[in-house]
Protein backbone atom coordinates (compact mmCIF):
# COMPACT_ATOMS: atom_id res chain seq x y z
CA UNK A 1 0.00 0.00 0.00
CA UNK A 2 1.29 3.41 -0.94
CA UNK A 3 -0.22 6.49 0.64
CA UNK A 4 -0.31 9.97 -0.86
CA UNK A 5 -1.45 12.88 1.24
CA UNK A 6 -2.62 16.15 -0.28
CA UNK A 7 -4.62 19.24 0.50
CA UNK A 8 -2.17 21.15 2.62
CA UNK A 9 -1.45 24.81 2.10
CA UNK A 10 -1.39 28.25 3.62
CA UNK A 11 -4.51 29.37 5.45
CA UNK A 12 -5.34 32.17 7.84
CA UNK A 13 -6.21 31.46 11.44
CA UNK A 14 -9.86 30.56 11.73
CA UNK A 15 -9.92 29.04 8.28
CA UNK A 16 -10.48 25.47 7.15
CA UNK A 17 -8.70 22.84 5.13
CA UNK A 18 -9.55 19.34 4.02
CA UNK A 19 -6.69 16.92 3.75
CA UNK A 20 -6.94 13.79 1.63
CA UNK A 21 -4.93 10.61 1.68
CA UNK A 22 -5.31 8.28 -1.26
CA UNK A 23 -4.01 4.73 -1.13
CA UNK A 24 -2.91 2.49 -3.91
CA UNK A 25 -3.78 -1.16 -3.83
CA UNK A 26 -6.96 -3.12 -3.44
CA UNK A 27 -6.74 -3.74 0.29
CA UNK A 28 -7.32 -0.19 1.51
CA UNK A 29 -10.68 -1.04 3.04
CA UNK A 30 -9.03 -3.59 5.34
CA UNK A 31 -6.89 -1.01 7.08
CA UNK A 32 -7.62 1.29 9.94
CA UNK A 33 -6.29 4.70 8.96
CA UNK A 34 -4.88 7.64 10.84
CA UNK A 35 -3.47 11.12 10.63
CA UNK A 36 -0.44 12.43 12.47
CA UNK A 37 1.40 15.70 12.37
CA UNK A 38 4.87 16.94 13.12
CA UNK A 39 5.78 20.54 13.72
CA UNK A 40 9.36 21.78 13.41
CA UNK A 41 11.41 20.70 16.39
CA UNK A 42 8.60 18.61 17.86
CA UNK A 43 7.75 14.94 17.98
CA UNK A 44 5.18 13.39 15.71
CA UNK A 45 1.74 13.77 17.24
CA UNK A 46 -1.44 11.77 16.83
CA UNK A 47 -4.27 13.71 15.21
CA UNK A 48 -7.06 11.31 14.33
CA UNK A 49 -7.90 7.72 13.39
CA UNK A 50 -10.77 5.83 11.82
CA UNK A 51 -11.48 2.14 11.72
CA UNK A 52 -11.71 0.15 8.51
CA UNK A 53 -15.47 0.47 8.23
CA UNK A 54 -15.56 4.15 9.06
CA UNK A 55 -17.74 3.72 12.12
CA UNK A 56 -15.29 4.39 14.94
CA UNK A 57 -13.27 7.59 15.03
CA UNK A 58 -10.73 8.98 17.48
CA UNK A 59 -9.15 12.39 17.91
CA UNK A 60 -6.19 13.88 19.66
CA UNK A 61 -6.97 16.49 22.29
CA UNK A 62 -5.38 19.23 20.20
CA UNK A 63 -7.90 18.87 17.36
CA UNK A 64 -10.94 17.42 19.12
CA UNK A 65 -14.06 19.38 18.28
CA UNK A 66 -12.41 21.12 15.34
CA UNK A 67 -11.67 18.20 13.03
CA UNK A 68 -13.57 15.36 11.38
CA UNK A 69 -12.05 12.24 9.90
CA UNK A 70 -13.90 10.22 7.30
CA UNK A 71 -13.18 7.70 4.58
CA UNK A 72 -14.51 6.57 1.25
CA UNK A 73 -13.45 3.01 0.62
CA UNK A 74 -14.74 3.16 -2.95
CA UNK A 75 -12.18 5.88 -3.61
CA UNK A 76 -9.42 4.43 -1.40
CA UNK A 77 -9.30 7.78 0.36
CA UNK A 78 -9.38 9.04 3.91
CA UNK A 79 -10.13 12.68 4.67
CA UNK A 80 -9.38 15.06 7.50
CA UNK A 81 -11.56 18.15 7.64
CA UNK A 82 -9.97 20.77 9.86
CA UNK A 83 -11.86 23.86 10.97
CA UNK A 84 -11.07 26.85 13.16
CA UNK A 85 -7.40 26.42 12.39
CA UNK A 86 -4.84 27.94 14.71
CA UNK A 87 -1.20 28.85 14.15
CA UNK A 88 -0.24 25.95 16.40
CA UNK A 89 -1.80 23.59 13.85
CA UNK A 90 1.09 24.40 11.54
CA UNK A 91 2.87 21.13 10.79
CA UNK A 92 3.51 18.47 8.21
CA UNK A 93 0.55 16.11 8.26
CA UNK A 94 1.06 12.42 7.57
CA UNK A 95 -1.42 9.65 6.94
CA UNK A 96 -0.84 6.14 8.16
CA UNK A 97 -2.37 2.71 7.67
CA UNK A 98 -2.40 -0.39 9.79
CA UNK A 99 -2.85 -1.52 13.33
CA UNK A 100 -5.99 -0.60 15.18
CA UNK A 101 -7.60 2.82 15.22
CA UNK A 102 -8.05 2.69 18.98
CA UNK A 103 -4.34 2.11 19.59
CA UNK A 104 -3.09 4.27 16.75
CA UNK A 105 -2.14 7.12 19.11
CA UNK A 106 0.72 4.91 20.27
CA UNK A 107 1.80 4.36 16.65
CA UNK A 108 1.92 0.64 17.32
CA UNK A 109 1.09 -1.67 14.46
CA UNK A 110 1.28 0.95 11.74
CA UNK A 111 2.33 -0.71 8.51
CA UNK A 112 2.51 2.22 6.13
CA UNK A 113 3.25 5.92 6.25
CA UNK A 114 2.56 8.41 3.54
CA UNK A 115 4.64 11.39 2.59
CA UNK A 116 3.39 14.42 4.39
CA UNK A 117 1.53 17.50 3.29
CA UNK A 118 2.42 20.85 4.82
CA UNK A 119 -0.21 22.92 6.56
CA UNK A 120 0.73 26.47 7.48
CA UNK A 121 -1.66 28.61 9.49
CA UNK A 122 -0.89 32.31 9.62
CA UNK A 123 -1.99 34.52 12.47
């Protein structure tokens, strides 16, 4: 499985972005998927995860209430809608596949990482 994230860019504080992560391969629907981010000089941080069927979702405290994760298995794509963006949301955002959505915050069991997409939020 190869993952390609897109949708990043420059946005003003308070704005919104929708990130997409498209997977190659026919087994996308079998994987729980997640989003992480890494700001300069900081460790990679869990953002959100969704189980293979799209029923169970999880969010990191930093984005809870402002973000929504979803997936379309017919398009092999997982989305992250981010609203009310803050300058501290500035980071490279990565998608990941594998393991279990509920344990994804620990990064255990992740099989694949995508190349990141940069989100910059200006104040």
